[in-house]
């Protein structure tokens, strides 16, 4: 049985580097990884906020957010920061 892991980012260099180093490093036998680019899929910003994400890049596993590095706040991604 796999756990869902959602990696949220905004398309910036910091985020893409974290995606390469972290999201793609998870064992696919243990984790079903979904990668969400909030820069191009802005409709999912509210979902990320509801999951506890306050900045990107961030990974949510089993409902627990892990903020990897501070690339941008969600307010910045939304355009109101």
PDB file of N, CA and C in Angstrom:
ATOM      1  N   UNK A   1       0.842  -1.185   0.000  1.00  0.00           N
ATOM      2  CA  UNK A   1       0.000   0.000   0.000  1.00  0.00           C
ATOM      3  C   UNK A   1       0.885   1.246   0.000  1.00  0.00           C
ATOM      4  N   UNK A   2       0.565   2.193  -0.868  1.00  0.00           N
ATOM      5  CA  UNK A   2       1.355   3.411  -0.961  1.00  0.00           C
ATOM      6  C   UNK A   2       0.656   4.567  -0.258  1.00  0.00           C
ATOM      7  N   UNK A   3       1.468   5.508   0.215  1.00  0.00           N
ATOM      8  CA  UNK A   3       0.960   6.741   0.812  1.00  0.00           C
ATOM      9  C   UNK A   3       0.980   7.818  -0.250  1.00  0.00           C
ATOM     10  N   UNK A   4       0.026   8.737  -0.166  1.00  0.00           N
ATOM     11  CA  UNK A   4       0.018   9.855  -1.096  1.00  0.00           C
ATOM     12  C   UNK A   4       0.968  10.932  -0.600  1.00  0.00           C
ATOM     13  N   UNK A   5       1.757  11.459  -1.495  1.00  0.00           N
ATOM     14  CA  UNK A   5       2.657  12.576  -1.214  1.00  0.00           C
ATOM     15  C   UNK A   5       2.408  13.613  -2.295  1.00  0.00           C
ATOM     16  N   UNK A   6       2.129  14.841  -1.883  1.00  0.00           N
ATOM     17  CA  UNK A   6       1.898  15.911  -2.844  1.00  0.00           C
ATOM     18  C   UNK A   6       2.995  16.947  -2.688  1.00  0.00           C
ATOM     19  N   UNK A   7       3.685  17.209  -3.775  1.00  0.00           N
ATOM     20  CA  UNK A   7       4.762  18.190  -3.787  1.00  0.00           C
ATOM     21  C   UNK A   7       4.228  19.449  -4.468  1.00  0.00           C
ATOM     22  N   UNK A   8       4.150  20.543  -3.700  1.00  0.00           N
ATOM     23  CA  UNK A   8       3.675  21.821  -4.220  1.00  0.00           C
ATOM     24  C   UNK A   8       4.869  22.728  -4.500  1.00  0.00           C
ATOM     25  N   UNK A   9       4.830  23.387  -5.648  1.00  0.00           N
ATOM     26  CA  UNK A   9       5.880  24.350  -5.967  1.00  0.00           C
ATOM     27  C   UNK A   9       5.304  25.433  -6.853  1.00  0.00           C
ATOM     28  N   UNK A  10       6.107  26.440  -7.172  1.00  0.00           N
ATOM     29  CA  UNK A  10       5.641  27.563  -7.980  1.00  0.00           C
ATOM     30  C   UNK A  10       6.440  27.727  -9.262  1.00  0.00           C
ATOM     31  N   UNK A  11       7.269  26.760  -9.594  1.00  0.00           N
ATOM     32  CA  UNK A  11       8.009  26.809 -10.839  1.00  0.00           C
ATOM     33  C   UNK A  11       9.335  27.553 -10.789  1.00  0.00           C
ATOM     34  N   UNK A  12       9.695  28.096  -9.635  1.00  0.00           N
ATOM     35  CA  UNK A  12      10.956  28.839  -9.526  1.00  0.00           C
ATOM     36  C   UNK A  12      12.144  27.866  -9.475  1.00  0.00           C
ATOM     37  N   UNK A  13      13.332  28.393  -9.613  1.00  0.00           N
ATOM     38  CA  UNK A  13      14.535  27.558  -9.617  1.00  0.00           C
ATOM     39  C   UNK A  13      14.694  26.774  -8.317  1.00  0.00           C
ATOM     40  N   UNK A  14      14.419  27.408  -7.184  1.00  0.00           N
ATOM     41  CA  UNK A  14      14.520  26.719  -5.882  1.00  0.00           C
ATOM     42  C   UNK A  14      13.551  25.543  -5.850  1.00  0.00           C
ATOM     43  N   UNK A  15      12.323  25.783  -6.326  1.00  0.00           N
ATOM     44  CA  UNK A  15      11.304  24.737  -6.316  1.00  0.00           C
ATOM     45  C   UNK A  15      11.663  23.577  -7.235  1.00  0.00           C
ATOM     46  N   UNK A  16      12.117  23.891  -8.430  1.00  0.00           N
ATOM     47  CA  UNK A  16      12.457  22.837  -9.380  1.00  0.00           C
ATOM     48  C   UNK A  16      13.643  22.006  -8.898  1.00  0.00           C
ATOM     49  N   UNK A  17      14.595  22.654  -8.236  1.00  0.00           N
ATOM     50  CA  UNK A  17      15.726  21.925  -7.665  1.00  0.00           C
ATOM     51  C   UNK A  17      15.244  20.991  -6.558  1.00  0.00           C
ATOM     52  N   UNK A  18      14.350  21.479  -5.702  1.00  0.00           N
ATOM     53  CA  UNK A  18      13.800  20.640  -4.628  1.00  0.00           C
ATOM     54  C   UNK A  18      13.005  19.475  -5.212  1.00  0.00           C
ATOM     55  N   UNK A  19      12.264  19.736  -6.289  1.00  0.00           N
ATOM     56  CA  UNK A  19      11.515  18.657  -6.943  1.00  0.00           C
ATOM     57  C   UNK A  19      12.467  17.558  -7.408  1.00  0.00           C
ATOM     58  N   UNK A  20      13.542  17.933  -8.076  1.00  0.00           N
ATOM     59  CA  UNK A  20      14.516  16.943  -8.562  1.00  0.00           C
ATOM     60  C   UNK A  20      15.159  16.174  -7.410  1.00  0.00           C
ATOM     61  N   UNK A  21      15.503  16.870  -6.347  1.00  0.00           N
ATOM     62  CA  UNK A  21      16.239  16.235  -5.258  1.00  0.00           C
ATOM     63  C   UNK A  21      15.357  15.469  -4.285  1.00  0.00           C
ATOM     64  N   UNK A  22      14.126  15.907  -4.090  1.00  0.00           N
ATOM     65  CA  UNK A  22      13.295  15.306  -3.044  1.00  0.00           C
ATOM     66  C   UNK A  22      12.123  14.517  -3.614  1.00  0.00           C
ATOM     67  N   UNK A  23      11.276  15.169  -4.400  1.00  0.00           N
ATOM     68  CA  UNK A  23      10.063  14.499  -4.883  1.00  0.00           C
ATOM     69  C   UNK A  23      10.394  13.265  -5.708  1.00  0.00           C
ATOM     70  N   UNK A  24      11.397  13.360  -6.559  1.00  0.00           N
ATOM     71  CA  UNK A  24      11.750  12.229  -7.413  1.00  0.00           C
ATOM     72  C   UNK A  24      12.592  11.184  -6.682  1.00  0.00           C
ATOM     73  N   UNK A  25      13.039  11.490  -5.478  1.00  0.00           N
ATOM     74  CA  UNK A  25      13.846  10.540  -4.706  1.00  0.00           C
ATOM     75  C   UNK A  25      12.997   9.591  -3.868  1.00  0.00           C
ATOM     76  N   UNK A  26      11.706   9.898  -3.715  1.00  0.00           N
ATOM     77  CA  UNK A  26      10.846   9.024  -2.907  1.00  0.00           C
ATOM     78  C   UNK A  26      10.643   7.683  -3.604  1.00  0.00           C
ATOM     79  N   UNK A  27      10.622   6.634  -2.818  1.00  0.00           N
ATOM     80  CA  UNK A  27      10.449   5.279  -3.321  1.00  0.00           C
ATOM     81  C   UNK A  27       9.030   5.109  -3.873  1.00  0.00           C
ATOM     82  N   UNK A  28       8.881   4.865  -5.181  1.00  0.00           N
ATOM     83  CA  UNK A  28       7.535   4.728  -5.755  1.00  0.00           C
ATOM     84  C   UNK A  28       6.772   3.511  -5.238  1.00  0.00           C
ATOM     85  N   UNK A  29       7.462   2.568  -4.625  1.00  0.00           N
ATOM     86  CA  UNK A  29       6.776   1.423  -4.021  1.00  0.00           C
ATOM     87  C   UNK A  29       6.102   1.834  -2.711  1.00  0.00           C
ATOM     88  N   UNK A  30       6.548   2.956  -2.130  1.00  0.00           N
ATOM     89  CA  UNK A  30       5.988   3.420  -0.850  1.00  0.00           C
ATOM     90  C   UNK A  30       5.133   4.673  -0.987  1.00  0.00           C
ATOM     91  N   UNK A  31       5.409   5.495  -2.028  1.00  0.00           N
ATOM     92  CA  UNK A  31       4.729   6.777  -2.157  1.00  0.00           C
ATOM     93  C   UNK A  31       4.199   7.000  -3.563  1.00  0.00           C
ATOM     94  N   UNK A  32       2.957   7.437  -3.624  1.00  0.00           N
ATOM     95  CA  UNK A  32       2.361   7.907  -4.871  1.00  0.00           C
ATOM     96  C   UNK A  32       2.537   9.422  -4.856  1.00  0.00           C
ATOM     97  N   UNK A  33       3.441   9.925  -5.684  1.00  0.00           N
ATOM     98  CA  UNK A  33       3.802  11.347  -5.655  1.00  0.00           C
ATOM     99  C   UNK A  33       3.038  12.108  -6.736  1.00  0.00           C
ATOM    100  N   UNK A  34       2.392  13.180  -6.310  1.00  0.00           N
ATOM    101  CA  UNK A  34       1.760  14.101  -7.246  1.00  0.00           C
ATOM    102  C   UNK A  34       2.520  15.416  -7.164  1.00  0.00           C
ATOM    103  N   UNK A  35       2.866  15.963  -8.305  1.00  0.00           N
ATOM    104  CA  UNK A  35       3.588  17.239  -8.347  1.00  0.00           C
ATOM    105  C   UNK A  35       2.625  18.300  -8.850  1.00  0.00           C
ATOM    106  N   UNK A  36       2.472  19.363  -8.051  1.00  0.00           N
ATOM    107  CA  UNK A  36       1.539  20.431  -8.372  1.00  0.00           C
ATOM    108  C   UNK A  36       2.305  21.742  -8.505  1.00  0.00           C
ATOM    109  N   UNK A  37       2.275  22.319  -9.700  1.00  0.00           N
ATOM    110  CA  UNK A  37       2.897  23.617  -9.949  1.00  0.00           C
ATOM    111  C   UNK A  37       1.825  24.685  -9.743  1.00  0.00           C
ATOM    112  N   UNK A  38       1.857  25.335  -8.593  1.00  0.00           N
ATOM    113  CA  UNK A  38       0.850  26.342  -8.264  1.00  0.00           C
ATOM    114  C   UNK A  38       0.989  27.596  -9.122  1.00  0.00           C
ATOM    115  N   UNK A  39       2.131  27.774  -9.751  1.00  0.00           N
ATOM    116  CA  UNK A  39       2.306  28.895 -10.656  1.00  0.00           C
ATOM    117  C   UNK A  39       1.438  28.765 -11.897  1.00  0.00           C
ATOM    118  N   UNK A  40       1.241  27.535 -12.346  1.00  0.00           N
ATOM    119  CA  UNK A  40       0.411  27.316 -13.532  1.00  0.00           C
ATOM    120  C   UNK A  40      -0.952  26.723 -13.193  1.00  0.00           C
ATOM    121  N   UNK A  41      -1.123  26.176 -12.005  1.00  0.00           N
ATOM    122  CA  UNK A  41      -2.402  25.599 -11.572  1.00  0.00           C
ATOM    123  C   UNK A  41      -2.878  26.341 -10.324  1.00  0.00           C
ATOM    124  N   UNK A  42      -3.173  27.618 -10.502  1.00  0.00           N
ATOM    125  CA  UNK A  42      -3.505  28.507  -9.389  1.00  0.00           C
ATOM    126  C   UNK A  42      -4.792  28.097  -8.667  1.00  0.00           C
ATOM    127  N   UNK A  43      -5.644  27.343  -9.312  1.00  0.00           N
ATOM    128  CA  UNK A  43      -6.889  26.891  -8.695  1.00  0.00           C
ATOM    129  C   UNK A  43      -6.627  25.975  -7.501  1.00  0.00           C
ATOM    130  N   UNK A  44      -5.411  25.434  -7.397  1.00  0.00           N
ATOM    131  CA  UNK A  44      -5.098  24.504  -6.305  1.00  0.00           C
ATOM    132  C   UNK A  44      -4.405  25.171  -5.123  1.00  0.00           C
ATOM    133  N   UNK A  45      -4.267  26.499  -5.165  1.00  0.00           N
ATOM    134  CA  UNK A  45      -3.642  27.215  -4.044  1.00  0.00           C
ATOM    135  C   UNK A  45      -4.452  27.014  -2.765  1.00  0.00           C
ATOM    136  N   UNK A  46      -5.774  27.100  -2.851  1.00  0.00           N
ATOM    137  CA  UNK A  46      -6.628  26.908  -1.666  1.00  0.00           C
ATOM    138  C   UNK A  46      -6.446  25.505  -1.088  1.00  0.00           C
ATOM    139  N   UNK A  47      -6.278  24.511  -1.949  1.00  0.00           N
ATOM    140  CA  UNK A  47      -6.032  23.132  -1.505  1.00  0.00           C
ATOM    141  C   UNK A  47      -4.727  23.054  -0.718  1.00  0.00           C
ATOM    142  N   UNK A  48      -3.690  23.700  -1.248  1.00  0.00           N
ATOM    143  CA  UNK A  48      -2.394  23.701  -0.564  1.00  0.00           C
ATOM    144  C   UNK A  48      -2.518  24.377   0.804  1.00  0.00           C
ATOM    145  N   UNK A  49      -3.212  25.510   0.845  1.00  0.00           N
ATOM    146  CA  UNK A  49      -3.411  26.211   2.129  1.00  0.00           C
ATOM    147  C   UNK A  49      -4.165  25.335   3.118  1.00  0.00           C
ATOM    148  N   UNK A  50      -5.213  24.655   2.655  1.00  0.00           N
ATOM    149  CA  UNK A  50      -5.995  23.776   3.523  1.00  0.00           C
ATOM    150  C   UNK A  50      -5.148  22.626   4.068  1.00  0.00           C
ATOM    151  N   UNK A  51      -4.122  22.226   3.313  1.00  0.00           N
ATOM    152  CA  UNK A  51      -3.222  21.149   3.748  1.00  0.00           C
ATOM    153  C   UNK A  51      -2.144  21.655   4.706  1.00  0.00           C
ATOM    154  N   UNK A  52      -2.108  22.975   4.957  1.00  0.00           N
ATOM    155  CA  UNK A  52      -1.133  23.531   5.890  1.00  0.00           C
ATOM    156  C   UNK A  52       0.095  24.126   5.244  1.00  0.00           C
ATOM    157  N   UNK A  53       0.117  24.201   3.919  1.00  0.00           N
ATOM    158  CA  UNK A  53       1.265  24.769   3.213  1.00  0.00           C
ATOM    159  C   UNK A  53       1.221  26.289   3.343  1.00  0.00           C
ATOM    160  N   UNK A  54       2.343  26.881   3.758  1.00  0.00           N
ATOM    161  CA  UNK A  54       2.416  28.342   3.867  1.00  0.00           C
ATOM    162  C   UNK A  54       3.446  28.935   2.910  1.00  0.00           C
ATOM    163  N   UNK A  55       4.331  28.080   2.402  1.00  0.00           N
ATOM    164  CA  UNK A  55       5.318  28.520   1.424  1.00  0.00           C
ATOM    165  C   UNK A  55       5.702  27.323   0.567  1.00  0.00           C
ATOM    166  N   UNK A  56       6.251  27.637  -0.588  1.00  0.00           N
ATOM    167  CA  UNK A  56       6.699  26.572  -1.488  1.00  0.00           C
ATOM    168  C   UNK A  56       8.191  26.707  -1.719  1.00  0.00           C
ATOM    169  N   UNK A  57       8.876  25.615  -1.945  1.00  0.00           N
ATOM    170  CA  UNK A  57       8.387  24.265  -2.144  1.00  0.00           C
ATOM    171  C   UNK A  57       8.008  23.600  -0.813  1.00  0.00           C
ATOM    172  N   UNK A  58       7.013  22.731  -0.911  1.00  0.00           N
ATOM    173  CA  UNK A  58       6.564  21.982   0.267  1.00  0.00           C
ATOM    174  C   UNK A  58       6.028  20.633  -0.185  1.00  0.00           C
ATOM    175  N   UNK A  59       6.177  19.663   0.699  1.00  0.00           N
ATOM    176  CA  UNK A  59       5.676  18.316   0.445  1.00  0.00           C
ATOM    177  C   UNK A  59       4.668  17.994   1.546  1.00  0.00           C
ATOM    178  N   UNK A  60       3.521  17.448   1.162  1.00  0.00           N
ATOM    179  CA  UNK A  60       2.529  17.009   2.140  1.00  0.00           C
ATOM    180  C   UNK A  60       2.439  15.495   2.040  1.00  0.00           C
ATOM    181  N   UNK A  61       2.755  14.841   3.158  1.00  0.00           N
ATOM    182  CA  UNK A  61       2.678  13.380   3.225  1.00  0.00           C
ATOM    183  C   UNK A  61       1.773  13.018   4.385  1.00  0.00           C
ATOM    184  N   UNK A  62       0.767  12.204   4.088  1.00  0.00           N
ATOM    185  CA  UNK A  62      -0.187  11.751   5.102  1.00  0.00           C
ATOM    186  C   UNK A  62      -0.769  12.926   5.895  1.00  0.00           C
ATOM    187  N   UNK A  63      -1.051  14.019   5.192  1.00  0.00           N
ATOM    188  CA  UNK A  63      -1.672  15.171   5.823  1.00  0.00           C
ATOM    189  C   UNK A  63      -0.742  16.090   6.583  1.00  0.00           C
ATOM    190  N   UNK A  64       0.545  15.811   6.567  1.00  0.00           N
ATOM    191  CA  UNK A  64       1.512  16.624   7.297  1.00  0.00           C
ATOM    192  C   UNK A  64       2.412  17.380   6.319  1.00  0.00           C
ATOM    193  N   UNK A  65       2.387  18.729   6.377  1.00  0.00           N
ATOM    194  CA  UNK A  65       3.236  19.494   5.465  1.00  0.00           C
ATOM    195  C   UNK A  65       4.686  19.558   5.935  1.00  0.00           C
ATOM    196  N   UNK A  66       5.584  19.488   4.982  1.00  0.00           N
ATOM    197  CA  UNK A  66       7.012  19.658   5.226  1.00  0.00           C
ATOM    198  C   UNK A  66       7.468  20.797   4.333  1.00  0.00           C
ATOM    199  N   UNK A  67       7.868  21.905   4.951  1.00  0.00           N
ATOM    200  CA  UNK A  67       8.350  23.051   4.185  1.00  0.00           C
ATOM    201  C   UNK A  67       9.842  22.858   3.964  1.00  0.00           C
ATOM    202  N   UNK A  68      10.213  22.698   2.711  1.00  0.00           N
ATOM    203  CA  UNK A  68      11.556  22.279   2.344  1.00  0.00           C
ATOM    204  C   UNK A  68      12.539  23.442   2.337  1.00  0.00           C
ATOM    205  N   UNK A  69      12.143  24.528   1.762  1.00  0.00           N
ATOM    206  CA  UNK A  69      12.991  25.706   1.643  1.00  0.00           C
ATOM    207  C   UNK A  69      12.036  26.856   1.393  1.00  0.00           C
ATOM    208  N   UNK A  70      12.394  28.059   1.721  1.00  0.00           N
ATOM    209  CA  UNK A  70      11.476  29.163   1.486  1.00  0.00           C
ATOM    210  C   UNK A  70      11.766  29.769   0.122  1.00  0.00           C
ATOM    211  N   UNK A  71      10.984  29.347  -0.868  1.00  0.00           N
ATOM    212  CA  UNK A  71      11.085  29.905  -2.212  1.00  0.00           C
ATOM    213  C   UNK A  71      10.146  31.080  -2.362  1.00  0.00           C
ATOM    214  N   UNK A  72       8.881  30.882  -1.955  1.00  0.00           N
ATOM    215  CA  UNK A  72       7.870  31.929  -2.046  1.00  0.00           C
ATOM    216  C   UNK A  72       6.718  31.590  -1.114  1.00  0.00           C
ATOM    217  N   UNK A  73       6.124  32.614  -0.513  1.00  0.00           N
ATOM    218  CA  UNK A  73       4.935  32.392   0.300  1.00  0.00           C
ATOM    219  C   UNK A  73       3.754  32.155  -0.629  1.00  0.00           C
ATOM    220  N   UNK A  74       2.701  31.535  -0.107  1.00  0.00           N
ATOM    221  CA  UNK A  74       1.519  31.346  -0.953  1.00  0.00           C
ATOM    222  C   UNK A  74       0.889  32.692  -1.295  1.00  0.00           C
ATOM    223  N   UNK A  75       1.024  33.687  -0.429  1.00  0.00           N
ATOM    224  CA  UNK A  75       0.532  35.027  -0.749  1.00  0.00           C
ATOM    225  C   UNK A  75       1.259  35.583  -1.984  1.00  0.00           C
ATOM    226  N   UNK A  76       2.554  35.325  -2.073  1.00  0.00           N
ATOM    227  CA  UNK A  76       3.312  35.753  -3.252  1.00  0.00           C
ATOM    228  C   UNK A  76       2.852  35.009  -4.500  1.00  0.00           C
ATOM    229  N   UNK A  77       2.593  33.714  -4.364  1.00  0.00           N
ATOM    230  CA  UNK A  77       2.146  32.913  -5.504  1.00  0.00           C
ATOM    231  C   UNK A  77       0.775  33.398  -5.971  1.00  0.00           C
ATOM    232  N   UNK A  78      -0.102  33.713  -5.003  1.00  0.00           N
ATOM    233  CA  UNK A  78      -1.430  34.246  -5.325  1.00  0.00           C
ATOM    234  C   UNK A  78      -1.356  35.626  -5.962  1.00  0.00           C
ATOM    235  N   UNK A  79      -0.307  36.362  -5.621  1.00  0.00           N
ATOM    236  CA  UNK A  79      -0.133  37.717  -6.145  1.00  0.00           C
ATOM    237  C   UNK A  79      -0.620  38.795  -5.211  1.00  0.00           C
ATOM    238  N   UNK A  80      -0.893  38.430  -3.955  1.00  0.00           N
ATOM    239  CA  UNK A  80      -1.344  39.437  -2.997  1.00  0.00           C
ATOM    240  C   UNK A  80      -0.360  39.640  -1.851  1.00  0.00           C
ATOM    241  N   UNK A  81       0.874  39.156  -2.044  1.00  0.00           N
ATOM    242  CA  UNK A  81       1.866  39.244  -0.973  1.00  0.00           C
ATOM    243  C   UNK A  81       2.805  40.392  -1.119  1.00  0.00           C
TER     244      UNK A  81
END
